[in-house]
Amino acid sequence: MLYILTSASFGSLEEVDTIDFLTLPAISTFTTNLKHANFIRISDTALETVNAFTSLQEVAVFNINNNRGLTNLKSDLETVSQALEFSSNGNDANVTFDSLLWANNITLRDVDSASFASLTAVNASMGLINNSISSLNLSNLSSVGGSFAVISNDQLTEIDCSNLTTVGGGFVVANNTNLKQIDGFDKLSTVGGALVVTGNFTELDLSSLKSVKGGAQVDTSSGNFSCDALKSLSSKGAIAGDSFVCKNGATSTSIKLSSSSSSSGSHSSTASSSGNNNAVSTSTGTSSSSSSKSAKGAAPAEYAPAGSILGVFAAVAVALL
């Protein structure tokens, strides 16, 4: 019976279609020199570290989840054509993907530190949710084709996306308690969906922003934040959705930008990604600080394991906007 397997070694194996370690509670070591694979999933095992993929450069799906003892993962992957997910593993988990150049989807949950030194593009969506990361360096990332979400990372104090220019879907930075200065998006010029930024920040630098195809909600409890730059952007017609809301601890600005034939007293906007068919409808008045931890599976995805960013982001956007 495989569930009593304690170790696995495939030293000579270089190519395989699928590795699927599912519910192997006794396995603690795994070694391989694998160079080619299509689908890799490691879920519900006793593994504490995974250094088995140092020769693997390309994969379609790379999914590591619910391995409660796993605290370290280092991979030399360069491309992930469908989905990269690391979620619900050990406390203080550290992940390193410094060779990764691009991926279709990236989801990180319950991670203490993450490194993506070479990441330049995410074709669909990227989400970092409920992590204990203190700083995040994505300084080489230039484009996200779908949605970009950084939600409920309570220890996060710094995020560097200083070369990110385009987000094709929704842009959400929300409920990151200790993120006081959001100044790592100064080159962001285009958001193809809704813009949602909430928290306790005093600074939000979106100085290059020229176009938001959806609505915008910016909400901080700090009274020192000024909405002037965003109000100027809205007055120029650069925010194309149904509503623009900007609040700080002292003042509030709310503008209905266009009317809807089906309106029933609530504003709405759409977070859409051109060519990705992942439109998300959102509405005001349902924000909850814990919504990102409980809302899952609200939208279909090409590959949708538990915690998939496409489903999670859709649900969170609905709750926040």
C-alpha atoms as a PDB file:
ATOM      1  CA  MET A   1       0.000   0.000   0.000  1.00  0.00           C
ATOM      2  CA  LEU A   2       1.497   3.304  -1.076  1.00  0.00           C
ATOM      3  CA  TYR A   3       0.217   5.225   1.942  1.00  0.00           C
ATOM      4  CA  ILE A   4       2.926   3.557   4.077  1.00  0.00           C
ATOM      5  CA  LEU A   5       5.691   4.555   1.631  1.00  0.00           C
ATOM      6  CA  THR A   6       8.453   6.312   3.598  1.00  0.00           C
ATOM      7  CA  SER A   7      10.871   7.325   0.832  1.00  0.00           C
ATOM      8  CA  ALA A   8      11.100   7.481  -2.940  1.00  0.00           C
ATOM      9  CA  SER A   9      14.177   7.687  -5.164  1.00  0.00           C
ATOM     10  CA  PHE A  10      14.208   7.889  -8.939  1.00  0.00           C
ATOM     11  CA  GLY A  11      17.870   8.669  -9.520  1.00  0.00           C
ATOM     12  CA  SER A  12      17.969   7.511 -13.152  1.00  0.00           C
ATOM     13  CA  LEU A  13      14.536   8.723 -14.222  1.00  0.00           C
ATOM     14  CA  GLU A  14      14.838  11.753 -16.508  1.00  0.00           C
ATOM     15  CA  GLU A  15      11.444  12.012 -18.194  1.00  0.00           C
ATOM     16  CA  VAL A  16       7.872  11.321 -17.077  1.00  0.00           C
ATOM     17  CA  ASP A  17       4.444  12.707 -17.869  1.00  0.00           C
ATOM     18  CA  THR A  18       2.997  12.800 -14.336  1.00  0.00           C
ATOM     19  CA  ILE A  19       4.183  12.683 -10.749  1.00  0.00           C
ATOM     20  CA  ASP A  20       1.216  12.630  -8.403  1.00  0.00           C
ATOM     21  CA  PHE A  21       2.008  12.107  -4.717  1.00  0.00           C
ATOM     22  CA  LEU A  22      -1.424  12.305  -3.136  1.00  0.00           C
ATOM     23  CA  THR A  23      -2.027  11.393   0.528  1.00  0.00           C
ATOM     24  CA  LEU A  24       1.255   9.725   1.410  1.00  0.00           C
ATOM     25  CA  PRO A  25       1.455  10.563   5.131  1.00  0.00           C
ATOM     26  CA  ALA A  26       4.621   8.535   5.805  1.00  0.00           C
ATOM     27  CA  ILE A  27       6.921   9.679   3.012  1.00  0.00           C
ATOM     28  CA  SER A  28       9.653  12.012   4.266  1.00  0.00           C
ATOM     29  CA  THR A  29      12.296  11.918   1.511  1.00  0.00           C
ATOM     30  CA  PHE A  30      12.058  12.174  -2.258  1.00  0.00           C
ATOM     31  CA  THR A  31      14.950  12.348  -4.718  1.00  0.00           C
ATOM     32  CA  THR A  32      15.057  12.501  -8.500  1.00  0.00           C
ATOM     33  CA  ASN A  33      17.127  13.908 -11.355  1.00  0.00           C
ATOM     34  CA  LEU A  34      14.047  14.517 -13.457  1.00  0.00           C
ATOM     35  CA  LYS A  35      14.579  16.750 -16.509  1.00  0.00           C
ATOM     36  CA  HIS A  36      11.208  16.589 -18.278  1.00  0.00           C
ATOM     37  CA  ALA A  37       7.677  16.376 -16.843  1.00  0.00           C
ATOM     38  CA  ASN A  38       4.193  17.638 -17.618  1.00  0.00           C
ATOM     39  CA  PHE A  39       2.209  17.450 -14.359  1.00  0.00           C
ATOM     40  CA  ILE A  40       3.621  17.437 -10.828  1.00  0.00           C
ATOM     41  CA  ARG A  41       1.480  17.413  -7.707  1.00  0.00           C
ATOM     42  CA  ILE A  42       2.661  16.717  -4.171  1.00  0.00           C
ATOM     43  CA  SER A  43      -0.172  16.892  -1.663  1.00  0.00           C
ATOM     44  CA  ASP A  44      -0.690  15.672   1.910  1.00  0.00           C
ATOM     45  CA  THR A  45       2.718  14.105   2.546  1.00  0.00           C
ATOM     46  CA  ALA A  46       5.272  14.173   5.377  1.00  0.00           C
ATOM     47  CA  LEU A  47       7.963  15.792   3.232  1.00  0.00           C
ATOM     48  CA  GLU A  48       9.949  18.505   5.019  1.00  0.00           C
ATOM     49  CA  THR A  49      11.988  19.751   2.073  1.00  0.00           C
ATOM     50  CA  VAL A  50      11.878  19.287  -1.694  1.00  0.00           C
ATOM     51  CA  ASN A  51      15.130  19.609  -3.631  1.00  0.00           C
ATOM     52  CA  ALA A  52      14.150  17.023  -6.223  1.00  0.00           C
ATOM     53  CA  PHE A  53      13.573  19.323  -9.176  1.00  0.00           C
ATOM     54  CA  THR A  54      16.895  21.104  -9.630  1.00  0.00           C
ATOM     55  CA  SER A  55      17.261  19.742 -13.190  1.00  0.00           C
ATOM     56  CA  LEU A  56      13.647  20.325 -14.231  1.00  0.00           C
ATOM     57  CA  GLN A  57      13.219  23.465 -16.331  1.00  0.00           C
ATOM     58  CA  GLU A  58       9.753  23.201 -17.907  1.00  0.00           C
ATOM     59  CA  VAL A  59       6.433  21.897 -16.641  1.00  0.00           C
ATOM     60  CA  ALA A  60       2.748  22.505 -17.280  1.00  0.00           C
ATOM     61  CA  VAL A  61       1.465  22.130 -13.705  1.00  0.00           C
ATOM     62  CA  PHE A  62       3.545  22.374 -10.522  1.00  0.00           C
ATOM     63  CA  ASN A  63       1.321  22.063  -7.457  1.00  0.00           C
ATOM     64  CA  ILE A  64       2.636  21.646  -3.906  1.00  0.00           C
ATOM     65  CA  ASN A  65      -0.114  21.821  -1.267  1.00  0.00           C
ATOM     66  CA  ASN A  66      -1.088  20.660   2.223  1.00  0.00           C
ATOM     67  CA  ASN A  67       2.278  19.167   3.182  1.00  0.00           C
ATOM     68  CA  ARG A  68       2.275  20.294   6.810  1.00  0.00           C
ATOM     69  CA  GLY A  69       5.967  19.584   7.453  1.00  0.00           C
ATOM     70  CA  LEU A  70       7.267  21.135   4.252  1.00  0.00           C
ATOM     71  CA  THR A  71       9.173  24.326   4.988  1.00  0.00           C
ATOM     72  CA  ASN A  72      11.624  24.602   2.078  1.00  0.00           C
ATOM     73  CA  LEU A  73      11.246  24.346  -1.671  1.00  0.00           C
ATOM     74  CA  LYS A  74      13.929  25.280  -4.176  1.00  0.00           C
ATOM     75  CA  SER A  75      13.301  24.861  -7.874  1.00  0.00           C
ATOM     76  CA  ASP A  76      15.197  25.741 -11.040  1.00  0.00           C
ATOM     77  CA  LEU A  77      12.049  25.809 -13.146  1.00  0.00           C
ATOM     78  CA  GLU A  78      12.184  28.350 -15.968  1.00  0.00           C
ATOM     79  CA  THR A  79       8.646  28.106 -17.378  1.00  0.00           C
ATOM     80  CA  VAL A  80       5.260  26.891 -16.101  1.00  0.00           C
ATOM     81  CA  SER A  81       2.753  26.768 -18.941  1.00  0.00           C
ATOM     82  CA  GLN A  82      -0.427  26.266 -16.872  1.00  0.00           C
ATOM     83  CA  ALA A  83      -0.271  26.716 -13.100  1.00  0.00           C
ATOM     84  CA  LEU A  84       2.267  27.099 -10.314  1.00  0.00           C
ATOM     85  CA  GLU A  85       0.808  26.758  -6.832  1.00  0.00           C
ATOM     86  CA  PHE A  86       2.380  26.498  -3.387  1.00  0.00           C
ATOM     87  CA  SER A  87      -0.244  26.595  -0.655  1.00  0.00           C
ATOM     88  CA  SER A  88      -1.127  25.424   2.856  1.00  0.00           C
ATOM     89  CA  ASN A  89       2.203  23.766   3.585  1.00  0.00           C
ATOM     90  CA  GLY A  90       4.370  24.035   6.714  1.00  0.00           C
ATOM     91  CA  ASN A  91       4.646  27.086   8.930  1.00  0.00           C
ATOM     92  CA  ASP A  92       7.430  29.491   7.926  1.00  0.00           C
ATOM     93  CA  ALA A  93       7.724  27.915   4.479  1.00  0.00           C
ATOM     94  CA  ASN A  94      10.402  29.334   2.187  1.00  0.00           C
ATOM     95  CA  VAL A  95      10.131  29.015  -1.589  1.00  0.00           C
ATOM     96  CA  THR A  96      12.757  29.869  -4.187  1.00  0.00           C
ATOM     97  CA  PHE A  97      12.019  30.094  -7.904  1.00  0.00           C
ATOM     98  CA  ASP A  98      14.951  32.271  -8.929  1.00  0.00           C
ATOM     99  CA  SER A  99      15.246  30.751 -12.417  1.00  0.00           C
ATOM    100  CA  LEU A 100      11.573  31.190 -13.282  1.00  0.00           C
ATOM    101  CA  LEU A 101      11.166  33.476 -16.302  1.00  0.00           C
ATOM    102  CA  TRP A 102       7.414  33.225 -16.883  1.00  0.00           C
ATOM    103  CA  ALA A 103       4.353  31.295 -15.793  1.00  0.00           C
ATOM    104  CA  ASN A 104       0.737  31.225 -16.822  1.00  0.00           C
ATOM    105  CA  ASN A 105      -0.667  31.375 -13.270  1.00  0.00           C
ATOM    106  CA  ILE A 106       1.075  31.744  -9.914  1.00  0.00           C
ATOM    107  CA  THR A 107      -0.561  31.241  -6.517  1.00  0.00           C
ATOM    108  CA  LEU A 108       1.212  31.500  -3.155  1.00  0.00           C
ATOM    109  CA  ARG A 109      -0.507  30.919   0.187  1.00  0.00           C
ATOM    110  CA  ASP A 110       0.870  30.506   3.712  1.00  0.00           C
ATOM    111  CA  VAL A 111       4.469  31.289   2.738  1.00  0.00           C
ATOM    112  CA  ASP A 112       7.042  33.014   4.963  1.00  0.00           C
ATOM    113  CA  SER A 113       9.429  34.064   2.192  1.00  0.00           C
ATOM    114  CA  ALA A 114       9.417  33.871  -1.589  1.00  0.00           C
ATOM    115  CA  SER A 115      12.028  34.650  -4.217  1.00  0.00           C
ATOM    116  CA  PHE A 116      11.377  35.183  -7.939  1.00  0.00           C
ATOM    117  CA  ALA A 117      14.618  36.866  -9.003  1.00  0.00           C
ATOM    118  CA  SER A 118      14.155  36.364 -12.764  1.00  0.00           C
ATOM    119  CA  LEU A 119      10.376  36.502 -13.204  1.00  0.00           C
ATOM    120  CA  THR A 120       9.461  38.860 -16.054  1.00  0.00           C
ATOM    121  CA  ALA A 121       5.915  37.894 -17.058  1.00  0.00           C
ATOM    122  CA  VAL A 122       2.777  36.145 -15.866  1.00  0.00           C
ATOM    123  CA  ASN A 123       0.487  35.358 -18.777  1.00  0.00           C
ATOM    124  CA  ALA A 124      -2.742  35.031 -16.806  1.00  0.00           C
ATOM    125  CA  SER A 125      -3.078  35.714 -13.066  1.00  0.00           C
ATOM    126  CA  MET A 126      -0.853  36.058 -10.021  1.00  0.00           C
ATOM    127  CA  GLY A 127      -2.009  35.965  -6.414  1.00  0.00           C
ATOM    128  CA  LEU A 128      -0.261  36.171  -3.057  1.00  0.00           C
ATOM    129  CA  ILE A 129      -2.801  35.513  -0.336  1.00  0.00           C
ATOM    130  CA  ASN A 130      -2.579  34.992   3.443  1.00  0.00           C
ATOM    131  CA  ASN A 131       1.219  34.835   3.567  1.00  0.00           C
ATOM    132  CA  SER A 132       3.610  35.960   6.319  1.00  0.00           C
ATOM    133  CA  ILE A 133       6.070  37.478   3.838  1.00  0.00           C
ATOM    134  CA  SER A 134       7.661  40.703   5.121  1.00  0.00           C
ATOM    135  CA  SER A 135       9.008  41.910   1.777  1.00  0.00           C
ATOM    136  CA  LEU A 136       8.448  40.890  -1.812  1.00  0.00           C
ATOM    137  CA  ASN A 137      10.810  41.665  -4.675  1.00  0.00           C
ATOM    138  CA  LEU A 138       9.235  41.315  -8.116  1.00  0.00           C
ATOM    139  CA  SER A 139      11.368  44.050  -9.618  1.00  0.00           C
ATOM    140  CA  ASN A 140      11.840  42.250 -12.957  1.00  0.00           C
ATOM    141  CA  LEU A 141       8.135  41.595 -13.489  1.00  0.00           C
ATOM    142  CA  SER A 142       6.894  43.744 -16.375  1.00  0.00           C
ATOM    143  CA  SER A 143       3.445  42.391 -17.230  1.00  0.00           C
ATOM    144  CA  VAL A 144       0.560  40.341 -15.856  1.00  0.00           C
ATOM    145  CA  GLY A 145      -1.925  39.322 -18.531  1.00  0.00           C
ATOM    146  CA  GLY A 146      -4.815  38.675 -16.167  1.00  0.00           C
ATOM    147  CA  SER A 147      -5.419  39.656 -12.549  1.00  0.00           C
ATOM    148  CA  PHE A 148      -2.833  40.653  -9.946  1.00  0.00           C
ATOM    149  CA  ALA A 149      -3.789  40.217  -6.288  1.00  0.00           C
ATOM    150  CA  VAL A 150      -1.874  40.787  -3.044  1.00  0.00           C
ATOM    151  CA  ILE A 151      -4.342  40.124  -0.242  1.00  0.00           C
ATOM    152  CA  SER A 152      -4.205  39.638   3.546  1.00  0.00           C
ATOM    153  CA  ASN A 153      -0.439  39.384   3.949  1.00  0.00           C
ATOM    154  CA  ASP A 154      -0.326  40.747   7.489  1.00  0.00           C
ATOM    155  CA  GLN A 155       3.472  40.975   7.826  1.00  0.00           C
ATOM    156  CA  LEU A 156       4.107  42.587   4.442  1.00  0.00           C
ATOM    157  CA  THR A 157       5.842  45.961   4.752  1.00  0.00           C
ATOM    158  CA  GLU A 158       7.388  46.333   1.297  1.00  0.00           C
ATOM    159  CA  ILE A 159       6.585  45.234  -2.250  1.00  0.00           C
ATOM    160  CA  ASP A 160       8.750  46.067  -5.261  1.00  0.00           C
ATOM    161  CA  CYS A 161       7.076  45.793  -8.665  1.00  0.00           C
ATOM    162  CA  SER A 162       9.009  48.750  -9.996  1.00  0.00           C
ATOM    163  CA  ASN A 163       9.029  47.531 -13.617  1.00  0.00           C
ATOM    164  CA  LEU A 164       5.413  46.377 -13.790  1.00  0.00           C
ATOM    165  CA  THR A 165       3.679  48.410 -16.500  1.00  0.00           C
ATOM    166  CA  THR A 166       0.580  46.418 -17.447  1.00  0.00           C
ATOM    167  CA  VAL A 167      -2.046  44.368 -15.632  1.00  0.00           C
ATOM    168  CA  GLY A 168      -4.579  42.975 -18.085  1.00  0.00           C
ATOM    169  CA  GLY A 169      -7.256  42.161 -15.509  1.00  0.00           C
ATOM    170  CA  GLY A 170      -8.070  43.377 -12.014  1.00  0.00           C
ATOM    171  CA  PHE A 171      -5.461  44.937  -9.720  1.00  0.00           C
ATOM    172  CA  VAL A 172      -6.068  44.231  -6.023  1.00  0.00           C
ATOM    173  CA  VAL A 173      -3.817  45.153  -3.094  1.00  0.00           C
ATOM    174  CA  ALA A 174      -5.999  44.706  -0.028  1.00  0.00           C
ATOM    175  CA  ASN A 175      -5.966  44.067   3.713  1.00  0.00           C
ATOM    176  CA  ASN A 176      -2.174  43.998   4.086  1.00  0.00           C
ATOM    177  CA  THR A 177      -2.149  45.374   7.617  1.00  0.00           C
ATOM    178  CA  ASN A 178       1.453  46.603   7.855  1.00  0.00           C
ATOM    179  CA  LEU A 179       1.878  47.839   4.300  1.00  0.00           C
ATOM    180  CA  LYS A 180       1.969  51.573   4.998  1.00  0.00           C
ATOM    181  CA  GLN A 181       3.730  52.768   1.842  1.00  0.00           C
ATOM    182  CA  ILE A 182       2.609  51.299  -1.464  1.00  0.00           C
ATOM    183  CA  ASP A 183       5.321  52.789  -3.629  1.00  0.00           C
ATOM    184  CA  GLY A 184       6.463  49.814  -5.687  1.00  0.00           C
ATOM    185  CA  PHE A 185       4.084  50.314  -8.621  1.00  0.00           C
ATOM    186  CA  ASP A 186       5.326  53.657  -9.913  1.00  0.00           C
ATOM    187  CA  LYS A 187       5.575  52.436 -13.548  1.00  0.00           C
ATOM    188  CA  LEU A 188       2.141  50.811 -13.712  1.00  0.00           C
ATOM    189  CA  SER A 189       0.328  52.510 -16.592  1.00  0.00           C
ATOM    190  CA  THR A 190      -2.600  50.266 -17.552  1.00  0.00           C
ATOM    191  CA  VAL A 191      -5.107  48.197 -15.584  1.00  0.00           C
ATOM    192  CA  GLY A 192      -7.489  46.229 -17.775  1.00  0.00           C
ATOM    193  CA  GLY A 193     -10.042  45.589 -15.036  1.00  0.00           C
ATOM    194  CA  ALA A 194     -10.996  47.057 -11.668  1.00  0.00           C
ATOM    195  CA  LEU A 195      -8.517  48.782  -9.355  1.00  0.00           C
ATOM    196  CA  VAL A 196      -8.948  47.933  -5.657  1.00  0.00           C
ATOM    197  CA  VAL A 197      -6.534  49.147  -2.972  1.00  0.00           C
ATOM    198  CA  THR A 198      -7.599  48.940   0.680  1.00  0.00           C
ATOM    199  CA  GLY A 199      -5.726  48.996   3.975  1.00  0.00           C
ATOM    200  CA  ASN A 200      -4.029  51.426   6.340  1.00  0.00           C
ATOM    201  CA  PHE A 201      -1.569  52.996   3.917  1.00  0.00           C
ATOM    202  CA  THR A 202      -0.369  56.601   3.931  1.00  0.00           C
ATOM    203  CA  GLU A 203       1.191  56.534   0.447  1.00  0.00           C
ATOM    204  CA  LEU A 204       0.041  55.071  -2.855  1.00  0.00           C
ATOM    205  CA  ASP A 205       2.309  55.816  -5.807  1.00  0.00           C
ATOM    206  CA  LEU A 206       0.541  55.178  -9.104  1.00  0.00           C
ATOM    207  CA  SER A 207       2.164  58.151 -10.766  1.00  0.00           C
ATOM    208  CA  SER A 208       2.382  56.520 -14.222  1.00  0.00           C
ATOM    209  CA  LEU A 209      -1.194  55.235 -14.277  1.00  0.00           C
ATOM    210  CA  LYS A 210      -2.998  56.329 -17.434  1.00  0.00           C
ATOM    211  CA  SER A 211      -5.912  53.923 -17.833  1.00  0.00           C
ATOM    212  CA  VAL A 212      -8.209  51.815 -15.646  1.00  0.00           C
ATOM    213  CA  LYS A 213     -10.756  49.927 -17.743  1.00  0.00           C
ATOM    214  CA  GLY A 214     -12.916  49.007 -14.740  1.00  0.00           C
ATOM    215  CA  GLY A 215     -14.026  50.958 -11.684  1.00  0.00           C
ATOM    216  CA  ALA A 216     -11.739  52.020  -8.857  1.00  0.00           C
ATOM    217  CA  GLN A 217     -11.997  51.698  -5.078  1.00  0.00           C
ATOM    218  CA  VAL A 218      -9.229  53.109  -2.900  1.00  0.00           C
ATOM    219  CA  ASP A 219      -9.900  52.985   0.826  1.00  0.00           C
ATOM    220  CA  THR A 220      -7.468  53.619   3.681  1.00  0.00           C
ATOM    221  CA  SER A 221      -8.068  54.192   7.362  1.00  0.00           C
ATOM    222  CA  SER A 222      -5.204  56.702   7.431  1.00  0.00           C
ATOM    223  CA  GLY A 223      -6.253  60.335   7.414  1.00  0.00           C
ATOM    224  CA  ASN A 224      -2.899  61.387   5.934  1.00  0.00           C
ATOM    225  CA  PHE A 225      -3.586  59.937   2.488  1.00  0.00           C
ATOM    226  CA  SER A 226      -4.618  62.304  -0.298  1.00  0.00           C
ATOM    227  CA  CYS A 227      -7.091  61.301  -3.005  1.00  0.00           C
ATOM    228  CA  ASP A 228      -6.143  64.259  -5.213  1.00  0.00           C
ATOM    229  CA  ALA A 229      -4.061  62.320  -7.767  1.00  0.00           C
ATOM    230  CA  LEU A 230      -6.774  59.714  -8.252  1.00  0.00           C
ATOM    231  CA  LYS A 231      -9.498  62.348  -8.481  1.00  0.00           C
ATOM    232  CA  SER A 232      -7.489  64.050 -11.203  1.00  0.00           C
ATOM    233  CA  LEU A 233      -7.188  60.752 -13.064  1.00  0.00           C
ATOM    234  CA  SER A 234     -10.934  60.208 -12.793  1.00  0.00           C
ATOM    235  CA  SER A 235     -11.721  63.722 -13.997  1.00  0.00           C
ATOM    236  CA  LYS A 236      -9.748  63.024 -17.183  1.00  0.00           C
ATOM    237  CA  GLY A 237     -11.884  59.973 -17.941  1.00  0.00           C
ATOM    238  CA  ALA A 238      -9.033  57.556 -17.334  1.00  0.00           C
ATOM    239  CA  ILE A 239     -11.186  55.427 -15.001  1.00  0.00           C
ATOM    240  CA  ALA A 240     -13.710  53.845 -17.339  1.00  0.00           C
ATOM    241  CA  GLY A 241     -15.834  51.713 -15.007  1.00  0.00           C
ATOM    242  CA  ASP A 242     -19.150  52.549 -13.378  1.00  0.00           C
ATOM    243  CA  SER A 243     -17.797  54.046 -10.159  1.00  0.00           C
ATOM    244  CA  PHE A 244     -14.821  55.732  -8.547  1.00  0.00           C
ATOM    245  CA  VAL A 245     -14.517  55.698  -4.750  1.00  0.00           C
ATOM    246  CA  CYS A 246     -11.621  57.114  -2.756  1.00  0.00           C
ATOM    247  CA  LYS A 247     -11.718  57.267   1.054  1.00  0.00           C
ATOM    248  CA  ASN A 248      -9.260  58.091   3.773  1.00  0.00           C
ATOM    249  CA  GLY A 249      -9.737  58.365   7.499  1.00  0.00           C
ATOM    250  CA  ALA A 250     -11.071  61.910   7.142  1.00  0.00           C
ATOM    251  CA  THR A 251     -12.793  62.322   3.768  1.00  0.00           C
ATOM    252  CA  SER A 252     -14.588  60.346   1.108  1.00  0.00           C
ATOM    253  CA  THR A 253     -15.047  60.856  -2.638  1.00  0.00           C
ATOM    254  CA  SER A 254     -17.600  58.776  -4.512  1.00  0.00           C
ATOM    255  CA  ILE A 255     -18.474  59.334  -8.166  1.00  0.00           C
ATOM    256  CA  LYS A 256     -20.854  57.333 -10.310  1.00  0.00           C
ATOM    257  CA  LEU A 257     -19.129  57.438 -13.678  1.00  0.00           C
ATOM    258  CA  SER A 258     -21.838  55.811 -15.810  1.00  0.00           C
ATOM    259  CA  SER A 259     -25.317  54.404 -15.391  1.00  0.00           C
ATOM    260  CA  SER A 260     -26.439  50.817 -15.823  1.00  0.00           C
ATOM    261  CA  SER A 261     -29.792  49.800 -17.229  1.00  0.00           C
ATOM    262  CA  SER A 262     -30.136  47.163 -14.538  1.00  0.00           C
ATOM    263  CA  SER A 263     -29.026  49.343 -11.627  1.00  0.00           C
ATOM    264  CA  SER A 264     -30.836  48.807  -8.339  1.00  0.00           C
ATOM    265  CA  GLY A 265     -29.003  51.216  -6.096  1.00  0.00           C
ATOM    266  CA  SER A 266     -25.557  49.607  -6.133  1.00  0.00           C
ATOM    267  CA  HIS A 267     -22.599  50.579  -8.287  1.00  0.00           C
ATOM    268  CA  SER A 268     -20.851  47.943 -10.346  1.00  0.00           C
ATOM    269  CA  SER A 269     -17.727  47.506 -12.373  1.00  0.00           C
ATOM    270  CA  THR A 270     -16.055  44.781 -14.349  1.00  0.00           C
ATOM    271  CA  ALA A 271     -12.579  43.320 -14.003  1.00  0.00           C
ATOM    272  CA  SER A 272     -11.772  41.848 -17.372  1.00  0.00           C
ATOM    273  CA  SER A 273      -8.678  40.508 -19.081  1.00  0.00           C
ATOM    274  CA  SER A 274      -8.452  40.972 -22.826  1.00  0.00           C
ATOM    275  CA  GLY A 275      -8.269  37.628 -24.560  1.00  0.00           C
ATOM    276  CA  ASN A 276      -8.496  35.607 -21.346  1.00  0.00           C
ATOM    277  CA  ASN A 277     -12.289  35.395 -21.029  1.00  0.00           C
ATOM    278  CA  ASN A 278     -12.162  35.764 -17.250  1.00  0.00           C
ATOM    279  CA  ALA A 279     -14.490  38.699 -16.675  1.00  0.00           C
ATOM    280  CA  VAL A 280     -15.427  39.327 -13.057  1.00  0.00           C
ATOM    281  CA  SER A 281     -18.471  41.358 -12.020  1.00  0.00           C
ATOM    282  CA  THR A 282     -18.154  43.212  -8.719  1.00  0.00           C
ATOM    283  CA  SER A 283     -20.410  45.299  -6.485  1.00  0.00           C
ATOM    284  CA  THR A 284     -19.987  47.736  -3.635  1.00  0.00           C
ATOM    285  CA  GLY A 285     -21.067  47.410  -0.035  1.00  0.00           C
ATOM    286  CA  THR A 286     -19.875  43.865   0.727  1.00  0.00           C
ATOM    287  CA  SER A 287     -16.312  44.403   1.919  1.00  0.00           C
ATOM    288  CA  SER A 288     -15.027  42.138   4.695  1.00  0.00           C
ATOM    289  CA  SER A 289     -11.523  41.914   6.129  1.00  0.00           C
ATOM    290  CA  SER A 290     -11.796  38.136   6.262  1.00  0.00           C
ATOM    291  CA  SER A 291     -13.355  37.627   2.862  1.00  0.00           C
ATOM    292  CA  SER A 292     -10.119  36.552   1.201  1.00  0.00           C
ATOM    293  CA  LYS A 293      -9.768  33.657   3.630  1.00  0.00           C
ATOM    294  CA  SER A 294     -13.195  32.156   3.063  1.00  0.00           C
ATOM    295  CA  ALA A 295     -14.233  32.873  -0.500  1.00  0.00           C
ATOM    296  CA  LYS A 296     -13.149  30.231  -3.003  1.00  0.00           C
ATOM    297  CA  GLY A 297     -14.163  28.786  -6.329  1.00  0.00           C
ATOM    298  CA  ALA A 298     -16.299  31.636  -7.622  1.00  0.00           C
ATOM    299  CA  ALA A 299     -15.035  31.442 -11.182  1.00  0.00           C
ATOM    300  CA  PRO A 300     -13.943  28.695 -13.564  1.00  0.00           C
ATOM    301  CA  ALA A 301     -10.285  28.191 -14.385  1.00  0.00           C
ATOM    302  CA  GLU A 302      -8.284  26.273 -16.963  1.00  0.00           C
ATOM    303  CA  TYR A 303      -6.651  24.319 -14.147  1.00  0.00           C
ATOM    304  CA  ALA A 304      -8.351  24.699 -10.805  1.00  0.00           C
ATOM    305  CA  PRO A 305      -6.806  22.924  -7.811  1.00  0.00           C
ATOM    306  CA  ALA A 306      -7.927  23.945  -4.343  1.00  0.00           C
ATOM    307  CA  GLY A 307      -6.953  27.582  -3.840  1.00  0.00           C
ATOM    308  CA  SER A 308      -6.496  28.350  -7.536  1.00  0.00           C
ATOM    309  CA  ILE A 309      -5.882  32.056  -7.962  1.00  0.00           C
ATOM    310  CA  LEU A 310      -8.444  32.421 -10.741  1.00  0.00           C
ATOM    311  CA  GLY A 311     -11.245  31.241  -8.473  1.00  0.00           C
ATOM    312  CA  VAL A 312      -9.945  32.977  -5.368  1.00  0.00           C
ATOM    313  CA  PHE A 313      -9.386  36.321  -7.054  1.00  0.00           C
ATOM    314  CA  ALA A 314     -12.872  36.374  -8.534  1.00  0.00           C
ATOM    315  CA  ALA A 315     -14.435  35.755  -5.139  1.00  0.00           C
ATOM    316  CA  VAL A 316     -12.237  38.320  -3.397  1.00  0.00           C
ATOM    317  CA  ALA A 317     -12.920  40.963  -6.023  1.00  0.00           C
ATOM    318  CA  VAL A 318     -16.650  40.420  -5.609  1.00  0.00           C
ATOM    319  CA  ALA A 319     -16.313  40.873  -1.859  1.00  0.00           C
ATOM    320  CA  LEU A 320     -14.089  43.938  -1.981  1.00  0.00           C
ATOM    321  CA  LEU A 321     -15.428  46.140  -4.748  1.00  0.00           C
END
